[in-house]
Structure formats: C-alpha cells, structure tokens
C-alpha cells in the first residue's frame, strides 16, 4: 500500500494560525472511511489531499498503515480539527514550535 501524497500540496496558511494548544493523536478505527467502491479513504482537512487503497483492505490494517505513515487527528484549543496528512502535521508542529 502506498500512502505517499498523490497530488501537489497547496500553500498552507498555518503561519496565520495561532495554535497555542495543539494536541495530535493517532487515528482510531472510528476515522475509517470508504469510497463508493469500498476502498479505504483518507482525506486531509488542511490541504484536501486524498489517499485511497489500490484494493480492499481491512479497516484496522488501513488505520495502522496510516498511523505508521504519519496521518493524525489534530485538536486545537480543545476542538477537533480533523484528520491531517503527515505534511500538514509536520507544518503545524513547526509553527507551534516557532510560537513557543
């Protein structure tokens, strides 16, 4: 399974955000989504990157692979922001570190 970014990542506006209290957690089974063809799907709420599997895979295996690749659920100021790709998670961590 290849979870590399399939599309170019647009400019991310994280520098404009003030993330004082960011919490990053691994994906859980409840984050599992599927396409109309019953293939697993991940969507980044920041850059809108979408990742799908080449075939059908068990939900638990898909979530485990996504976590290993760096996909996370991000909470800011106690609010659930959503599922974020590894690139956006890294950018958010970098911005938060600069603001500390």
PDB file of N, CA and C in Angstrom:
ATOM      1  N   UNK A   1       0.851  -1.171   0.000  1.00  0.00           N
ATOM      2  CA  UNK A   1       0.000   0.000   0.000  1.00  0.00           C
ATOM      3  C   UNK A   1       0.893   1.228   0.000  1.00  0.00           C
ATOM      4  N   UNK A   2       0.580   2.185  -0.839  1.00  0.00           N
ATOM      5  CA  UNK A   2       1.347   3.403  -0.957  1.00  0.00           C
ATOM      6  C   UNK A   2       0.519   4.570  -0.454  1.00  0.00           C
ATOM      7  N   UNK A   3       0.958   5.214   0.622  1.00  0.00           N
ATOM      8  CA  UNK A   3       0.239   6.349   1.168  1.00  0.00           C
ATOM      9  C   UNK A   3       0.975   7.658   0.899  1.00  0.00           C
ATOM     10  N   UNK A   4       1.833   7.678  -0.123  1.00  0.00           N
ATOM     11  CA  UNK A   4       2.517   8.913  -0.463  1.00  0.00           C
ATOM     12  C   UNK A   4       1.528   9.914  -1.022  1.00  0.00           C
ATOM     13  N   UNK A   5       1.845  11.182  -0.889  1.00  0.00           N
ATOM     14  CA  UNK A   5       0.954  12.210  -1.419  1.00  0.00           C
ATOM     15  C   UNK A   5       0.794  12.018  -2.913  1.00  0.00           C
ATOM     16  N   UNK A   6      -0.442  12.018  -3.386  1.00  0.00           N
ATOM     17  CA  UNK A   6      -0.709  11.793  -4.793  1.00  0.00           C
ATOM     18  C   UNK A   6      -0.905  13.088  -5.553  1.00  0.00           C
ATOM     19  N   UNK A   7      -0.996  14.198  -4.870  1.00  0.00           N
ATOM     20  CA  UNK A   7      -1.194  15.476  -5.534  1.00  0.00           C
ATOM     21  C   UNK A   7      -0.315  16.518  -4.884  1.00  0.00           C
ATOM     22  N   UNK A   8       0.033  17.562  -5.621  1.00  0.00           N
ATOM     23  CA  UNK A   8       0.859  18.602  -5.013  1.00  0.00           C
ATOM     24  C   UNK A   8       0.124  19.270  -3.856  1.00  0.00           C
ATOM     25  N   UNK A   9       0.873  19.614  -2.831  1.00  0.00           N
ATOM     26  CA  UNK A   9       0.276  20.240  -1.658  1.00  0.00           C
ATOM     27  C   UNK A   9       0.225  21.745  -1.873  1.00  0.00           C
ATOM     28  N   UNK A  10      -0.957  22.343  -1.780  1.00  0.00           N
ATOM     29  CA  UNK A  10      -1.043  23.791  -1.948  1.00  0.00           C
ATOM     30  C   UNK A  10      -0.411  24.520  -0.773  1.00  0.00           C
ATOM     31  N   UNK A  11      -0.172  25.790  -0.952  1.00  0.00           N
ATOM     32  CA  UNK A  11       0.372  26.626   0.124  1.00  0.00           C
ATOM     33  C   UNK A  11      -0.507  26.488   1.354  1.00  0.00           C
ATOM     34  N   UNK A  12       0.100  26.242   2.492  1.00  0.00           N
ATOM     35  CA  UNK A  12      -0.667  26.041   3.719  1.00  0.00           C
ATOM     36  C   UNK A  12      -0.641  27.315   4.551  1.00  0.00           C
ATOM     37  N   UNK A  13      -1.780  27.788   5.021  1.00  0.00           N
ATOM     38  CA  UNK A  13      -1.849  29.054   5.742  1.00  0.00           C
ATOM     39  C   UNK A  13      -1.586  28.926   7.236  1.00  0.00           C
ATOM     40  N   UNK A  14      -0.704  28.013   7.665  1.00  0.00           N
ATOM     41  CA  UNK A  14      -0.511  27.788   9.089  1.00  0.00           C
ATOM     42  C   UNK A  14       0.158  28.959   9.788  1.00  0.00           C
ATOM     43  N   UNK A  15       0.936  29.746   9.053  1.00  0.00           N
ATOM     44  CA  UNK A  15       1.609  30.871   9.697  1.00  0.00           C
ATOM     45  C   UNK A  15       0.609  31.876  10.239  1.00  0.00           C
ATOM     46  N   UNK A  16      -0.585  31.902   9.679  1.00  0.00           N
ATOM     47  CA  UNK A  16      -1.600  32.838  10.141  1.00  0.00           C
ATOM     48  C   UNK A  16      -2.341  32.314  11.371  1.00  0.00           C
ATOM     49  N   UNK A  17      -2.156  31.047  11.686  1.00  0.00           N
ATOM     50  CA  UNK A  17      -2.874  30.447  12.814  1.00  0.00           C
ATOM     51  C   UNK A  17      -2.082  30.599  14.106  1.00  0.00           C
ATOM     52  N   UNK A  18      -2.776  30.748  15.163  1.00  0.00           N
ATOM     53  CA  UNK A  18      -2.158  30.756  16.492  1.00  0.00           C
ATOM     54  C   UNK A  18      -2.601  29.466  17.163  1.00  0.00           C
ATOM     55  N   UNK A  19      -1.703  28.505  17.312  1.00  0.00           N
ATOM     56  CA  UNK A  19      -2.077  27.162  17.728  1.00  0.00           C
ATOM     57  C   UNK A  19      -1.807  26.865  19.190  1.00  0.00           C
ATOM     58  N   UNK A  20      -1.696  27.813  20.024  1.00  0.00           N
ATOM     59  CA  UNK A  20      -1.249  27.679  21.404  1.00  0.00           C
ATOM     60  C   UNK A  20      -1.419  26.307  22.028  1.00  0.00           C
ATOM     61  N   UNK A  21      -2.542  25.652  21.825  1.00  0.00           N
ATOM     62  CA  UNK A  21      -2.775  24.367  22.469  1.00  0.00           C
ATOM     63  C   UNK A  21      -3.172  23.327  21.432  1.00  0.00           C
ATOM     64  N   UNK A  22      -2.188  22.731  20.810  1.00  0.00           N
ATOM     65  CA  UNK A  22      -2.438  21.719  19.796  1.00  0.00           C
ATOM     66  C   UNK A  22      -2.189  20.338  20.397  1.00  0.00           C
ATOM     67  N   UNK A  23      -3.076  19.419  20.106  1.00  0.00           N
ATOM     68  CA  UNK A  23      -2.952  18.046  20.567  1.00  0.00           C
ATOM     69  C   UNK A  23      -3.061  17.145  19.348  1.00  0.00           C
ATOM     70  N   UNK A  24      -2.078  16.294  19.145  1.00  0.00           N
ATOM     71  CA  UNK A  24      -2.052  15.396  17.989  1.00  0.00           C
ATOM     72  C   UNK A  24      -2.188  13.972  18.495  1.00  0.00           C
ATOM     73  N   UNK A  25      -3.149  13.250  17.930  1.00  0.00           N
ATOM     74  CA  UNK A  25      -3.400  11.872  18.361  1.00  0.00           C
ATOM     75  C   UNK A  25      -3.394  10.933  17.159  1.00  0.00           C
ATOM     76  N   UNK A  26      -3.034   9.668  17.378  1.00  0.00           N
ATOM     77  CA  UNK A  26      -3.113   8.692  16.290  1.00  0.00           C
ATOM     78  C   UNK A  26      -4.562   8.498  15.839  1.00  0.00           C
ATOM     79  N   UNK A  27      -4.710   8.077  14.594  1.00  0.00           N
ATOM     80  CA  UNK A  27      -6.044   7.762  14.080  1.00  0.00           C
ATOM     81  C   UNK A  27      -6.607   6.564  14.832  1.00  0.00           C
ATOM     82  N   UNK A  28      -7.899   6.563  15.004  1.00  0.00           N
ATOM     83  CA  UNK A  28      -8.588   5.422  15.604  1.00  0.00           C
ATOM     84  C   UNK A  28      -9.484   4.792  14.556  1.00  0.00           C
ATOM     85  N   UNK A  29      -9.997   3.632  14.865  1.00  0.00           N
ATOM     86  CA  UNK A  29     -10.854   2.904  13.934  1.00  0.00           C
ATOM     87  C   UNK A  29     -12.074   3.723  13.519  1.00  0.00           C
ATOM     88  N   UNK A  30     -12.520   4.624  14.369  1.00  0.00           N
ATOM     89  CA  UNK A  30     -13.688   5.456  14.044  1.00  0.00           C
ATOM     90  C   UNK A  30     -13.401   6.426  12.907  1.00  0.00           C
ATOM     91  N   UNK A  31     -12.127   6.645  12.570  1.00  0.00           N
ATOM     92  CA  UNK A  31     -11.752   7.535  11.468  1.00  0.00           C
ATOM     93  C   UNK A  31     -11.855   6.859  10.112  1.00  0.00           C
ATOM     94  N   UNK A  32     -12.120   5.568  10.090  1.00  0.00           N
ATOM     95  CA  UNK A  32     -12.145   4.806   8.840  1.00  0.00           C
ATOM     96  C   UNK A  32     -13.284   5.269   7.940  1.00  0.00           C
ATOM     97  N   UNK A  33     -12.942   5.582   6.684  1.00  0.00           N
ATOM     98  CA  UNK A  33     -13.918   5.955   5.672  1.00  0.00           C
ATOM     99  C   UNK A  33     -13.663   5.116   4.425  1.00  0.00           C
ATOM    100  N   UNK A  34     -14.678   5.006   3.580  1.00  0.00           N
ATOM    101  CA  UNK A  34     -14.543   4.251   2.336  1.00  0.00           C
ATOM    102  C   UNK A  34     -15.058   5.056   1.154  1.00  0.00           C
ATOM    103  N   UNK A  35     -14.527   4.714  -0.024  1.00  0.00           N
ATOM    104  CA  UNK A  35     -15.036   5.292  -1.262  1.00  0.00           C
ATOM    105  C   UNK A  35     -16.294   4.529  -1.662  1.00  0.00           C
ATOM    106  N   UNK A  36     -16.939   4.962  -2.723  1.00  0.00           N
ATOM    107  CA  UNK A  36     -18.122   4.261  -3.238  1.00  0.00           C
ATOM    108  C   UNK A  36     -17.780   2.845  -3.686  1.00  0.00           C
ATOM    109  N   UNK A  37     -16.508   2.614  -4.008  1.00  0.00           N
ATOM    110  CA  UNK A  37     -16.055   1.282  -4.427  1.00  0.00           C
ATOM    111  C   UNK A  37     -15.565   0.441  -3.248  1.00  0.00           C
ATOM    112  N   UNK A  38     -15.886   0.865  -2.031  1.00  0.00           N
ATOM    113  CA  UNK A  38     -15.497   0.165  -0.799  1.00  0.00           C
ATOM    114  C   UNK A  38     -13.991   0.098  -0.579  1.00  0.00           C
ATOM    115  N   UNK A  39     -13.263   1.070  -1.110  1.00  0.00           N
ATOM    116  CA  UNK A  39     -11.831   1.157  -0.856  1.00  0.00           C
ATOM    117  C   UNK A  39     -11.599   2.164   0.272  1.00  0.00           C
ATOM    118  N   UNK A  40     -10.656   1.884   1.156  1.00  0.00           N
ATOM    119  CA  UNK A  40     -10.367   2.808   2.252  1.00  0.00           C
ATOM    120  C   UNK A  40      -9.975   4.185   1.730  1.00  0.00           C
ATOM    121  N   UNK A  41     -10.307   5.212   2.506  1.00  0.00           N
ATOM    122  CA  UNK A  41     -10.077   6.593   2.093  1.00  0.00           C
ATOM    123  C   UNK A  41      -9.600   7.422   3.273  1.00  0.00           C
ATOM    124  N   UNK A  42      -8.603   8.268   3.030  1.00  0.00           N
ATOM    125  CA  UNK A  42      -8.151   9.268   3.990  1.00  0.00           C
ATOM    126  C   UNK A  42      -8.239  10.621   3.312  1.00  0.00           C
ATOM    127  N   UNK A  43      -8.746  11.626   4.027  1.00  0.00           N
ATOM    128  CA  UNK A  43      -8.820  12.987   3.499  1.00  0.00           C
ATOM    129  C   UNK A  43      -8.227  13.942   4.522  1.00  0.00           C
ATOM    130  N   UNK A  44      -7.297  14.779   4.085  1.00  0.00           N
ATOM    131  CA  UNK A  44      -6.695  15.784   4.953  1.00  0.00           C
ATOM    132  C   UNK A  44      -7.589  17.016   4.983  1.00  0.00           C
ATOM    133  N   UNK A  45      -7.935  17.463   6.183  1.00  0.00           N
ATOM    134  CA  UNK A  45      -8.800  18.634   6.318  1.00  0.00           C
ATOM    135  C   UNK A  45      -8.048  19.926   6.008  1.00  0.00           C
ATOM    136  N   UNK A  46      -6.730  19.883   5.958  1.00  0.00           N
ATOM    137  CA  UNK A  46      -5.947  21.095   5.689  1.00  0.00           C
ATOM    138  C   UNK A  46      -5.712  21.300   4.198  1.00  0.00           C
ATOM    139  N   UNK A  47      -5.009  20.381   3.587  1.00  0.00           N
ATOM    140  CA  UNK A  47      -4.622  20.546   2.185  1.00  0.00           C
ATOM    141  C   UNK A  47      -5.551  19.809   1.225  1.00  0.00           C
ATOM    142  N   UNK A  48      -6.522  19.081   1.760  1.00  0.00           N
ATOM    143  CA  UNK A  48      -7.509  18.330   0.968  1.00  0.00           C
ATOM    144  C   UNK A  48      -6.898  17.156   0.202  1.00  0.00           C
ATOM    145  N   UNK A  49      -5.688  16.735   0.595  1.00  0.00           N
ATOM    146  CA  UNK A  49      -5.085  15.555  -0.016  1.00  0.00           C
ATOM    147  C   UNK A  49      -5.976  14.355   0.268  1.00  0.00           C
ATOM    148  N   UNK A  50      -6.090  13.468  -0.706  1.00  0.00           N
ATOM    149  CA  UNK A  50      -6.899  12.253  -0.564  1.00  0.00           C
ATOM    150  C   UNK A  50      -6.024  11.043  -0.869  1.00  0.00           C
ATOM    151  N   UNK A  51      -6.111  10.042  -0.022  1.00  0.00           N
ATOM    152  CA  UNK A  51      -5.378   8.797  -0.229  1.00  0.00           C
ATOM    153  C   UNK A  51      -6.365   7.640  -0.216  1.00  0.00           C
ATOM    154  N   UNK A  52      -6.240   6.766  -1.193  1.00  0.00           N
ATOM    155  CA  UNK A  52      -7.071   5.571  -1.235  1.00  0.00           C
ATOM    156  C   UNK A  52      -6.180   4.355  -1.423  1.00  0.00           C
ATOM    157  N   UNK A  53      -6.729   3.219  -1.126  1.00  0.00           N
ATOM    158  CA  UNK A  53      -6.020   1.961  -1.301  1.00  0.00           C
ATOM    159  C   UNK A  53      -6.214   1.463  -2.728  1.00  0.00           C
ATOM    160  N   UNK A  54      -5.241   0.722  -3.226  1.00  0.00           N
ATOM    161  CA  UNK A  54      -5.376   0.127  -4.560  1.00  0.00           C
ATOM    162  C   UNK A  54      -6.418  -0.987  -4.558  1.00  0.00           C
ATOM    163  N   UNK A  55      -6.730  -1.513  -3.401  1.00  0.00           N
ATOM    164  CA  UNK A  55      -7.710  -2.593  -3.295  1.00  0.00           C
ATOM    165  C   UNK A  55      -8.407  -2.552  -1.950  1.00  0.00           C
ATOM    166  N   UNK A  56      -9.209  -3.553  -1.716  1.00  0.00           N
ATOM    167  CA  UNK A  56      -9.933  -3.636  -0.445  1.00  0.00           C
ATOM    168  C   UNK A  56      -8.959  -4.095   0.632  1.00  0.00           C
ATOM    169  N   UNK A  57      -9.030  -3.458   1.791  1.00  0.00           N
ATOM    170  CA  UNK A  57      -8.159  -3.788   2.917  1.00  0.00           C
ATOM    171  C   UNK A  57      -8.982  -3.641   4.197  1.00  0.00           C
ATOM    172  N   UNK A  58      -8.675  -4.434   5.175  1.00  0.00           N
ATOM    173  CA  UNK A  58      -9.395  -4.364   6.452  1.00  0.00           C
ATOM    174  C   UNK A  58      -9.200  -3.001   7.097  1.00  0.00           C
ATOM    175  N   UNK A  59     -10.229  -2.501   7.746  1.00  0.00           N
ATOM    176  CA  UNK A  59     -10.189  -1.175   8.368  1.00  0.00           C
ATOM    177  C   UNK A  59      -9.033  -1.048   9.350  1.00  0.00           C
ATOM    178  N   UNK A  60      -8.856  -2.032  10.201  1.00  0.00           N
ATOM    179  CA  UNK A  60      -7.796  -1.975  11.212  1.00  0.00           C
ATOM    180  C   UNK A  60      -6.410  -1.894  10.545  1.00  0.00           C
ATOM    181  N   UNK A  61      -6.204  -2.643   9.476  1.00  0.00           N
ATOM    182  CA  UNK A  61      -4.922  -2.616   8.766  1.00  0.00           C
ATOM    183  C   UNK A  61      -4.684  -1.258   8.098  1.00  0.00           C
ATOM    184  N   UNK A  62      -5.736  -0.682   7.531  1.00  0.00           N
ATOM    185  CA  UNK A  62      -5.626   0.622   6.877  1.00  0.00           C
ATOM    186  C   UNK A  62      -5.263   1.710   7.896  1.00  0.00           C
ATOM    187  N   UNK A  63      -5.927   1.705   9.033  1.00  0.00           N
ATOM    188  CA  UNK A  63      -5.656   2.701  10.070  1.00  0.00           C
ATOM    189  C   UNK A  63      -4.240   2.522  10.626  1.00  0.00           C
ATOM    190  N   UNK A  64      -3.821   1.283  10.824  1.00  0.00           N
ATOM    191  CA  UNK A  64      -2.459   1.017  11.301  1.00  0.00           C
ATOM    192  C   UNK A  64      -1.433   1.558  10.314  1.00  0.00           C
ATOM    193  N   UNK A  65      -1.633   1.297   9.021  1.00  0.00           N
ATOM    194  CA  UNK A  65      -0.711   1.794   7.992  1.00  0.00           C
ATOM    195  C   UNK A  65      -0.711   3.322   7.949  1.00  0.00           C
ATOM    196  N   UNK A  66      -1.877   3.934   8.046  1.00  0.00           N
ATOM    197  CA  UNK A  66      -1.975   5.399   8.031  1.00  0.00           C
ATOM    198  C   UNK A  66      -1.226   6.001   9.219  1.00  0.00           C
ATOM    199  N   UNK A  67      -1.374   5.404  10.390  1.00  0.00           N
ATOM    200  CA  UNK A  67      -0.654   5.886  11.576  1.00  0.00           C
ATOM    201  C   UNK A  67       0.853   5.752  11.392  1.00  0.00           C
ATOM    202  N   UNK A  68       1.288   4.650  10.802  1.00  0.00           N
ATOM    203  CA  UNK A  68       2.715   4.444  10.570  1.00  0.00           C
ATOM    204  C   UNK A  68       3.276   5.463   9.584  1.00  0.00           C
ATOM    205  N   UNK A  69       2.445   5.925   8.651  1.00  0.00           N
ATOM    206  CA  UNK A  69       2.867   6.923   7.663  1.00  0.00           C
ATOM    207  C   UNK A  69       2.804   8.347   8.210  1.00  0.00           C
ATOM    208  N   UNK A  70       2.145   8.547   9.346  1.00  0.00           N
ATOM    209  CA  UNK A  70       2.118   9.863   9.964  1.00  0.00           C
ATOM    210  C   UNK A  70       0.789  10.595   9.935  1.00  0.00           C
ATOM    211  N   UNK A  71      -0.271   9.966   9.432  1.00  0.00           N
ATOM    212  CA  UNK A  71      -1.594  10.595   9.485  1.00  0.00           C
ATOM    213  C   UNK A  71      -2.024  10.692  10.936  1.00  0.00           C
ATOM    214  N   UNK A  72      -2.658  11.816  11.313  1.00  0.00           N
ATOM    215  CA  UNK A  72      -3.068  12.030  12.694  1.00  0.00           C
ATOM    216  C   UNK A  72      -4.396  12.776  12.757  1.00  0.00           C
ATOM    217  N   UNK A  73      -5.016  12.716  13.931  1.00  0.00           N
ATOM    218  CA  UNK A  73      -6.180  13.546  14.238  1.00  0.00           C
ATOM    219  C   UNK A  73      -5.642  14.711  15.066  1.00  0.00           C
ATOM    220  N   UNK A  74      -5.978  15.924  14.655  1.00  0.00           N
ATOM    221  CA  UNK A  74      -5.461  17.116  15.310  1.00  0.00           C
ATOM    222  C   UNK A  74      -6.586  17.839  16.043  1.00  0.00           C
ATOM    223  N   UNK A  75      -6.287  18.229  17.274  1.00  0.00           N
ATOM    224  CA  UNK A  75      -7.192  19.030  18.089  1.00  0.00           C
ATOM    225  C   UNK A  75      -6.486  20.352  18.366  1.00  0.00           C
ATOM    226  N   UNK A  76      -7.175  21.466  18.192  1.00  0.00           N
ATOM    227  CA  UNK A  76      -6.621  22.772  18.543  1.00  0.00           C
ATOM    228  C   UNK A  76      -7.600  23.475  19.468  1.00  0.00           C
ATOM    229  N   UNK A  77      -7.051  24.018  20.536  1.00  0.00           N
ATOM    230  CA  UNK A  77      -7.865  24.701  21.547  1.00  0.00           C
ATOM    231  C   UNK A  77      -9.028  23.829  22.020  1.00  0.00           C
ATOM    232  N   UNK A  78      -8.793  22.534  22.111  1.00  0.00           N
ATOM    233  CA  UNK A  78      -9.806  21.616  22.603  1.00  0.00           C
ATOM    234  C   UNK A  78     -10.840  21.188  21.576  1.00  0.00           C
ATOM    235  N   UNK A  79     -10.794  21.762  20.389  1.00  0.00           N
ATOM    236  CA  UNK A  79     -11.750  21.414  19.329  1.00  0.00           C
ATOM    237  C   UNK A  79     -11.106  20.453  18.341  1.00  0.00           C
ATOM    238  N   UNK A  80     -11.867  19.471  17.915  1.00  0.00           N
ATOM    239  CA  UNK A  80     -11.366  18.511  16.940  1.00  0.00           C
ATOM    240  C   UNK A  80     -11.287  19.174  15.570  1.00  0.00           C
ATOM    241  N   UNK A  81     -10.074  19.291  15.056  1.00  0.00           N
ATOM    242  CA  UNK A  81      -9.872  19.876  13.734  1.00  0.00           C
ATOM    243  C   UNK A  81     -10.153  18.837  12.657  1.00  0.00           C
ATOM    244  N   UNK A  82      -9.659  17.611  12.858  1.00  0.00           N
ATOM    245  CA  UNK A  82      -9.911  16.527  11.923  1.00  0.00           C
ATOM    246  C   UNK A  82      -8.656  15.764  11.559  1.00  0.00           C
ATOM    247  N   UNK A  83      -8.773  14.929  10.543  1.00  0.00           N
ATOM    248  CA  UNK A  83      -7.687  14.091  10.076  1.00  0.00           C
ATOM    249  C   UNK A  83      -6.738  14.908   9.211  1.00  0.00           C
ATOM    250  N   UNK A  84      -5.441  14.811   9.507  1.00  0.00           N
ATOM    251  CA  UNK A  84      -4.439  15.577   8.773  1.00  0.00           C
ATOM    252  C   UNK A  84      -3.334  14.666   8.254  1.00  0.00           C
ATOM    253  N   UNK A  85      -2.842  14.996   7.069  1.00  0.00           N
ATOM    254  CA  UNK A  85      -1.769  14.224   6.436  1.00  0.00           C
ATOM    255  C   UNK A  85      -0.434  14.510   7.139  1.00  0.00           C
ATOM    256  N   UNK A  86       0.564  13.670   6.908  1.00  0.00           N
ATOM    257  CA  UNK A  86       1.861  13.862   7.569  1.00  0.00           C
ATOM    258  C   UNK A  86       2.491  15.226   7.277  1.00  0.00           C
ATOM    259  N   UNK A  87       2.371  15.725   6.064  1.00  0.00           N
ATOM    260  CA  UNK A  87       2.960  17.004   5.703  1.00  0.00           C
ATOM    261  C   UNK A  87       2.336  18.146   6.504  1.00  0.00           C
ATOM    262  N   UNK A  88       1.018  18.150   6.619  1.00  0.00           N
ATOM    263  CA  UNK A  88       0.330  19.203   7.377  1.00  0.00           C
ATOM    264  C   UNK A  88       0.629  19.083   8.867  1.00  0.00           C
ATOM    265  N   UNK A  89       0.700  17.864   9.381  1.00  0.00           N
ATOM    266  CA  UNK A  89       1.040  17.666  10.798  1.00  0.00           C
ATOM    267  C   UNK A  89       2.430  18.240  11.068  1.00  0.00           C
ATOM    268  N   UNK A  90       3.391  17.964  10.183  1.00  0.00           N
ATOM    269  CA  UNK A  90       4.742  18.499  10.355  1.00  0.00           C
ATOM    270  C   UNK A  90       4.740  20.025  10.322  1.00  0.00           C
ATOM    271  N   UNK A  91       3.974  20.599   9.385  1.00  0.00           N
ATOM    272  CA  UNK A  91       3.894  22.057   9.291  1.00  0.00           C
ATOM    273  C   UNK A  91       3.294  22.658  10.559  1.00  0.00           C
ATOM    274  N   UNK A  92       2.260  22.028  11.085  1.00  0.00           N
ATOM    275  CA  UNK A  92       1.634  22.541  12.309  1.00  0.00           C
ATOM    276  C   UNK A  92       2.589  22.461  13.498  1.00  0.00           C
ATOM    277  N   UNK A  93       3.324  21.356  13.588  1.00  0.00           N
ATOM    278  CA  UNK A  93       4.304  21.216  14.676  1.00  0.00           C
ATOM    279  C   UNK A  93       5.367  22.297  14.571  1.00  0.00           C
ATOM    280  N   UNK A  94       5.819  22.562  13.349  1.00  0.00           N
ATOM    281  CA  UNK A  94       6.861  23.577  13.127  1.00  0.00           C
ATOM    282  C   UNK A  94       6.355  24.947  13.552  1.00  0.00           C
ATOM    283  N   UNK A  95       5.148  25.308  13.156  1.00  0.00           N
ATOM    284  CA  UNK A  95       4.582  26.611  13.503  1.00  0.00           C
ATOM    285  C   UNK A  95       4.384  26.724  15.010  1.00  0.00           C
ATOM    286  N   UNK A  96       3.886  25.662  15.626  1.00  0.00           N
ATOM    287  CA  UNK A  96       3.677  25.696  17.077  1.00  0.00           C
ATOM    288  C   UNK A  96       5.010  25.879  17.808  1.00  0.00           C
ATOM    289  N   UNK A  97       6.058  25.204  17.322  1.00  0.00           N
ATOM    290  CA  UNK A  97       7.371  25.340  17.952  1.00  0.00           C
ATOM    291  C   UNK A  97       7.907  26.760  17.817  1.00  0.00           C
ATOM    292  N   UNK A  98       7.660  27.400  16.685  1.00  0.00           N
ATOM    293  CA  UNK A  98       8.103  28.778  16.472  1.00  0.00           C
ATOM    294  C   UNK A  98       7.366  29.743  17.394  1.00  0.00           C
ATOM    295  N   UNK A  99       6.126  29.419  17.725  1.00  0.00           N
ATOM    296  CA  UNK A  99       5.316  30.300  18.560  1.00  0.00           C
ATOM    297  C   UNK A  99       5.580  30.103  20.049  1.00  0.00           C
ATOM    298  N   UNK A 100       6.257  29.020  20.395  1.00  0.00           N
ATOM    299  CA  UNK A 100       6.509  28.714  21.815  1.00  0.00           C
ATOM    300  C   UNK A 100       7.547  29.643  22.402  1.00  0.00           C
TER     301      UNK A 100
END
